[in-house]
Amino acid sequence: MIRLYEKDGHVHSPFCPHRYTDDTISAYVEAAERNRLKEITFAEHMPAVCENFPTPLPINFKNPDMDGIMEYFEEIKVFRAAYRGPVKINIGLEVDYMEGFEEETREMLSKIGDEIEEGILSVHYLKFNGQYYYISNKDYVATAVEEAGGAERLNAIYYETITKSILADLGRHKPRRLGHCTIIRLAYRKYPGLANNPDILDSLARRIKDGGYSIDLNMQGLRNETCMELFGEPLLPYAKKYDIPAALGSDSHRAETVGVGFNNTAVMDNISWLRPDWI
């Protein structure tokens, strides 16, 4: 059995337009080998389901286009067929949930879903005031806090959106792992209003359990000085309460962070009791 810390379930690829380096697929897999992982899942971003929505989003945070994602699928298959190393390699996709674009998302997944071996359903945008606000970068969180009328209101909008993503009908290829839950806490050290509300977290955890979802415990939060916790960490008491499974993900956009921290005793001791979502 592969244990929680032996699999990196959230790795990006050379096909990500906002990657940090030009590392090859081979470089990502070699990093997994160095960190003694037994399995990794490439989870490249799904192509955008809309091109011209109103949002303060910089060009360098773009997703792959359809040609890019099809090339990604093919390149992983080619590499995997030739690879003779110890790491199991999965083809995955990180799917953006965007409120108001459920039909378009369902349609895109119907076209490419058969290629996906593992999926992650993530919220990177919040819809309010007639716009979509990007919240996966601390500078853009600051904008969203201001536009929402305060951190407490933005916090509420975020968890409302996560709940909508769980309830949304995205078809049979809808991912069942929720990506970097609690990413809204990306800047909580600057905005204390992005707080852990027990009632909100308990309600969300019950939705996760009832819907048969798992959570992506995401190392990216630990790498950010305005967060310094796993994305998803505030849900741990409720994951225990409701027996919610999980996967560990580096959210790597460069090879050097694949599997980094997975052997950190202080981190792993806190989550070692979790049931992996592949069991």
Protein backbone atom coordinates (compact mmCIF):
# COMPACT_ATOMS: atom_id res chain seq x y z
CA MET A 1 0.00 0.00 0.00
CA ILE A 2 1.24 3.48 -0.88
CA ARG A 3 1.17 5.71 2.18
CA LEU A 4 0.03 9.32 2.19
CA TYR A 5 3.55 10.80 2.11
CA GLU A 6 4.71 8.47 -0.66
CA LYS A 7 2.51 10.06 -3.32
CA ASP A 8 2.51 13.62 -4.66
CA GLY A 9 -0.99 14.01 -6.02
CA HIS A 10 -0.72 17.55 -7.39
CA VAL A 11 2.13 18.26 -9.81
CA HIS A 12 2.11 20.66 -12.77
CA SER A 13 4.14 20.28 -15.92
CA PRO A 14 6.09 21.98 -18.72
CA PHE A 15 2.74 22.64 -20.39
CA CYS A 16 1.63 25.13 -17.73
CA PRO A 17 1.91 28.70 -19.15
CA HIS A 18 2.56 30.10 -15.66
CA ARG A 19 5.21 27.53 -14.69
CA TYR A 20 8.28 28.88 -12.92
CA THR A 21 10.90 27.08 -15.04
CA ASP A 22 11.28 25.09 -18.23
CA ASP A 23 11.91 21.83 -16.37
CA THR A 24 11.11 18.74 -18.40
CA ILE A 25 8.74 15.93 -17.49
CA SER A 26 11.84 13.85 -16.85
CA ALA A 27 13.10 16.44 -14.34
CA TYR A 28 9.84 16.28 -12.38
CA VAL A 29 9.98 12.49 -12.25
CA GLU A 30 13.65 12.49 -11.26
CA ALA A 31 12.77 14.84 -8.37
CA ALA A 32 10.11 12.36 -7.28
CA GLU A 33 12.72 9.60 -7.34
CA ARG A 34 15.14 11.64 -5.23
CA ASN A 35 12.45 12.22 -2.64
CA ARG A 36 11.60 8.51 -2.59
CA LEU A 37 8.07 8.90 -3.84
CA LYS A 38 6.30 5.86 -5.19
CA GLU A 39 3.70 7.75 -7.21
CA ILE A 40 2.98 11.18 -8.67
CA THR A 41 0.01 12.68 -10.45
CA PHE A 42 0.55 15.37 -13.02
CA ALA A 43 -2.50 17.60 -12.64
CA GLU A 44 -2.17 20.24 -15.32
CA HIS A 45 -4.68 23.09 -15.42
CA MET A 46 -7.70 22.56 -17.64
CA PRO A 47 -8.10 25.06 -20.49
CA ALA A 48 -10.10 28.13 -19.55
CA VAL A 49 -13.82 27.75 -20.19
CA CYS A 50 -14.18 31.47 -20.91
CA GLU A 51 -11.85 33.97 -22.50
CA ASN A 52 -13.24 37.42 -21.75
CA PHE A 53 -14.69 37.53 -18.27
CA PRO A 54 -14.18 40.72 -16.24
CA THR A 55 -11.39 40.10 -13.74
CA PRO A 56 -8.13 41.74 -12.65
CA LEU A 57 -6.11 38.73 -13.88
CA PRO A 58 -2.61 39.15 -15.33
CA ILE A 59 -1.70 37.36 -18.54
CA ASN A 60 0.99 35.27 -16.84
CA PHE A 61 -1.62 33.28 -14.90
CA LYS A 62 -3.16 31.79 -18.04
CA ASN A 63 -4.06 28.10 -18.36
CA PRO A 64 -3.02 25.88 -21.26
CA ASP A 65 -5.19 26.07 -24.38
CA MET A 66 -6.88 22.97 -25.81
CA ASP A 67 -3.96 22.20 -28.14
CA GLY A 68 -1.58 22.47 -25.19
CA ILE A 69 -3.60 20.15 -22.99
CA MET A 70 -3.89 17.51 -25.71
CA GLU A 71 -0.13 17.71 -26.22
CA TYR A 72 0.29 17.35 -22.44
CA PHE A 73 -1.77 14.16 -22.42
CA GLU A 74 0.25 12.72 -25.28
CA GLU A 75 3.65 13.65 -23.86
CA ILE A 76 2.89 12.05 -20.50
CA LYS A 77 1.77 8.88 -22.28
CA VAL A 78 4.94 8.78 -24.40
CA PHE A 79 7.19 9.39 -21.39
CA ARG A 80 5.38 6.84 -19.28
CA ALA A 81 5.62 4.17 -21.97
CA ALA A 82 9.40 4.57 -22.12
CA TYR A 83 9.99 5.06 -18.38
CA ARG A 84 11.51 2.15 -16.48
CA GLY A 85 11.92 3.79 -13.06
CA PRO A 86 10.18 3.08 -9.76
CA VAL A 87 7.61 5.92 -9.77
CA LYS A 88 4.05 5.31 -10.93
CA ILE A 89 2.95 8.25 -13.10
CA ASN A 90 -0.70 9.31 -13.41
CA ILE A 91 -2.30 11.61 -15.96
CA GLY A 92 -4.43 14.17 -14.15
CA LEU A 93 -6.14 17.50 -14.55
CA GLU A 94 -6.86 20.42 -12.24
CA VAL A 95 -10.32 21.69 -13.10
CA ASP A 96 -11.33 25.25 -12.26
CA TYR A 97 -14.79 25.66 -10.83
CA MET A 98 -16.13 29.00 -12.06
CA GLU A 99 -19.56 30.01 -10.87
CA GLY A 100 -21.78 30.68 -13.86
CA PHE A 101 -19.73 28.52 -16.24
CA GLU A 102 -20.91 25.12 -15.09
CA GLU A 103 -22.34 24.16 -18.49
CA GLU A 104 -19.13 25.14 -20.30
CA THR A 105 -17.04 23.19 -17.79
CA ARG A 106 -19.24 20.13 -18.15
CA GLU A 107 -18.96 20.35 -21.94
CA MET A 108 -15.16 20.59 -21.85
CA LEU A 109 -14.88 17.68 -19.43
CA SER A 110 -17.09 15.61 -21.74
CA LYS A 111 -14.51 16.15 -24.50
CA ILE A 112 -11.33 15.38 -22.56
CA GLY A 113 -12.49 13.52 -19.47
CA ASP A 114 -11.66 10.06 -20.79
CA GLU A 115 -7.97 11.04 -20.71
CA ILE A 116 -8.05 11.83 -16.98
CA GLU A 117 -6.91 9.23 -14.46
CA GLU A 118 -7.11 11.58 -11.47
CA GLY A 119 -8.80 14.94 -11.18
CA ILE A 120 -8.68 17.89 -8.82
CA LEU A 121 -11.53 20.39 -8.53
CA SER A 122 -10.24 23.80 -7.47
CA VAL A 123 -11.53 27.29 -6.86
CA HIS A 124 -9.18 30.02 -8.07
CA TYR A 125 -11.84 32.67 -8.81
CA LEU A 126 -14.66 34.16 -6.77
CA LYS A 127 -17.64 35.82 -8.37
CA PHE A 128 -19.10 38.87 -6.67
CA ASN A 129 -19.96 42.46 -7.59
CA GLY A 130 -20.48 41.24 -11.15
CA GLN A 131 -16.82 40.28 -11.56
CA TYR A 132 -14.48 37.32 -11.10
CA TYR A 133 -11.64 37.86 -8.66
CA TYR A 134 -8.49 35.74 -8.72
CA ILE A 135 -7.55 34.62 -5.19
CA SER A 136 -4.58 32.26 -5.72
CA ASN A 137 -2.00 35.03 -5.36
CA LYS A 138 -1.59 37.09 -2.21
CA ASP A 139 -1.51 40.40 -4.11
CA TYR A 140 -4.82 39.58 -5.75
CA VAL A 141 -6.28 38.54 -2.41
CA ALA A 142 -5.62 42.11 -1.29
CA THR A 143 -7.67 43.41 -4.21
CA ALA A 144 -10.46 40.95 -3.49
CA VAL A 145 -10.55 41.90 0.21
CA GLU A 146 -11.00 45.55 -0.71
CA GLU A 147 -13.65 44.87 -3.37
CA ALA A 148 -15.59 42.50 -1.10
CA GLY A 149 -15.78 45.09 1.66
CA GLY A 150 -13.50 43.27 4.07
CA ALA A 151 -11.77 39.99 4.79
CA GLU A 152 -14.70 38.49 6.70
CA ARG A 153 -17.03 38.93 3.73
CA LEU A 154 -14.44 37.56 1.29
CA ASN A 155 -13.96 34.56 3.59
CA ALA A 156 -17.68 33.83 3.51
CA ILE A 157 -17.84 34.18 -0.29
CA TYR A 158 -14.96 31.73 -0.66
CA TYR A 159 -16.60 28.96 1.36
CA GLU A 160 -19.94 29.59 -0.33
CA THR A 161 -18.16 29.07 -3.66
CA ILE A 162 -16.45 25.87 -2.48
CA THR A 163 -19.89 24.57 -1.49
CA LYS A 164 -21.27 25.49 -4.92
CA SER A 165 -18.41 23.58 -6.56
CA ILE A 166 -19.36 20.47 -4.58
CA LEU A 167 -23.02 20.75 -5.55
CA ALA A 168 -22.42 21.65 -9.21
CA ASP A 169 -23.37 19.21 -11.96
CA LEU A 170 -20.21 18.96 -14.02
CA GLY A 171 -20.93 15.58 -15.53
CA ARG A 172 -19.47 12.13 -15.01
CA HIS A 173 -15.87 13.32 -15.28
CA LYS A 174 -16.18 15.78 -12.40
CA PRO A 175 -13.15 15.40 -10.07
CA ARG A 176 -13.78 14.08 -6.57
CA ARG A 177 -10.73 15.62 -4.89
CA LEU A 178 -11.05 19.26 -3.78
CA GLY A 179 -7.93 21.25 -4.55
CA HIS A 180 -6.15 23.33 -1.90
CA CYS A 181 -9.24 23.90 0.26
CA THR A 182 -8.71 26.95 2.51
CA ILE A 183 -6.46 28.64 -0.07
CA ILE A 184 -8.28 31.83 0.92
CA ARG A 185 -5.96 31.80 3.95
CA LEU A 186 -3.08 32.54 1.58
CA ALA A 187 -2.86 35.98 3.19
CA TYR A 188 -4.47 35.40 6.58
CA ARG A 189 -1.38 36.65 8.46
CA LYS A 190 -2.04 40.00 6.81
CA TYR A 191 -5.84 39.76 6.97
CA PRO A 192 -6.94 38.06 10.22
CA GLY A 193 -10.54 38.22 9.00
CA LEU A 194 -9.69 35.23 6.78
CA ALA A 195 -10.34 33.18 9.88
CA ASN A 196 -11.20 29.55 10.64
CA ASN A 197 -14.90 29.73 11.41
CA PRO A 198 -15.85 26.41 13.10
CA ASP A 199 -19.45 26.49 11.86
CA ILE A 200 -18.38 27.14 8.27
CA LEU A 201 -15.68 24.45 8.34
CA ASP A 202 -17.96 21.87 9.93
CA SER A 203 -20.66 22.55 7.36
CA LEU A 204 -18.15 22.29 4.52
CA ALA A 205 -16.73 19.04 5.88
CA ARG A 206 -20.21 17.52 6.03
CA ARG A 207 -20.77 18.52 2.40
CA ILE A 208 -17.44 16.92 1.46
CA LYS A 209 -18.31 13.72 3.29
CA ASP A 210 -21.88 13.50 1.97
CA GLY A 211 -20.67 14.13 -1.59
CA GLY A 212 -17.97 11.48 -1.43
CA TYR A 213 -15.10 13.92 -1.94
CA SER A 214 -11.56 13.98 -0.61
CA ILE A 215 -9.27 16.91 0.13
CA ASP A 216 -5.95 17.95 -1.36
CA LEU A 217 -3.59 18.86 1.50
CA ASN A 218 -1.44 21.31 -0.36
CA MET A 219 2.16 22.16 0.54
CA GLN A 220 2.00 25.48 -1.29
CA GLY A 221 0.60 27.13 1.82
CA LEU A 222 3.68 26.19 3.83
CA ARG A 223 5.87 27.85 1.20
CA ASN A 224 4.08 31.18 1.52
CA GLU A 225 5.19 33.56 4.27
CA THR A 226 1.70 35.05 4.69
CA CYS A 227 0.16 31.62 5.34
CA MET A 228 2.69 29.07 6.69
CA GLU A 229 0.21 26.22 6.95
CA LEU A 230 -0.95 23.46 4.62
CA PHE A 231 -3.87 24.52 2.49
CA GLY A 232 -6.58 22.30 3.92
CA GLU A 233 -5.00 22.13 7.38
CA PRO A 234 -7.89 23.96 9.12
CA LEU A 235 -10.16 21.13 7.95
CA LEU A 236 -8.16 18.41 9.71
CA PRO A 237 -10.29 18.22 12.90
CA TYR A 238 -13.38 17.87 10.73
CA ALA A 239 -11.71 15.33 8.44
CA LYS A 240 -11.16 13.23 11.55
CA LYS A 241 -14.72 13.80 12.75
CA TYR A 242 -16.28 12.75 9.42
CA ASP A 243 -13.57 10.33 8.20
CA ILE A 244 -12.73 12.34 5.08
CA PRO A 245 -9.87 10.94 2.99
CA ALA A 246 -7.04 13.07 1.65
CA ALA A 247 -4.08 13.28 -0.70
CA LEU A 248 -0.88 15.25 -0.27
CA GLY A 249 0.14 17.62 -3.05
CA SER A 250 3.15 19.84 -3.64
CA ASP A 251 1.33 21.95 -6.28
CA SER A 252 4.73 22.11 -7.94
CA HIS A 253 5.22 24.41 -10.90
CA ARG A 254 8.92 23.49 -10.92
CA ALA A 255 10.69 20.18 -10.47
CA GLU A 256 12.63 21.16 -7.35
CA THR A 257 9.51 21.27 -5.13
CA VAL A 258 8.07 17.84 -6.08
CA GLY A 259 7.66 15.88 -2.86
CA VAL A 260 9.50 18.51 -0.80
CA GLY A 261 8.42 18.44 2.84
CA PHE A 262 6.73 15.06 2.55
CA ASN A 263 9.37 13.63 4.91
CA ASN A 264 9.02 16.50 7.40
CA THR A 265 8.24 14.75 10.68
CA ALA A 266 6.48 17.76 12.21
CA VAL A 267 4.14 17.96 9.22
CA MET A 268 3.58 14.24 8.75
CA ASP A 269 2.93 13.48 12.42
CA ASN A 270 0.00 15.87 12.24
CA ILE A 271 -1.62 14.07 9.31
CA SER A 272 -0.36 10.49 9.56
CA TRP A 273 -3.78 9.27 10.75
CA LEU A 274 -5.51 10.40 7.55
CA ARG A 275 -6.92 7.82 5.17
CA PRO A 276 -5.46 8.24 1.66
CA ASP A 277 -8.14 8.75 -0.97
CA TRP A 278 -6.81 5.90 -3.09
CA ILE A 279 -7.67 3.28 -0.45
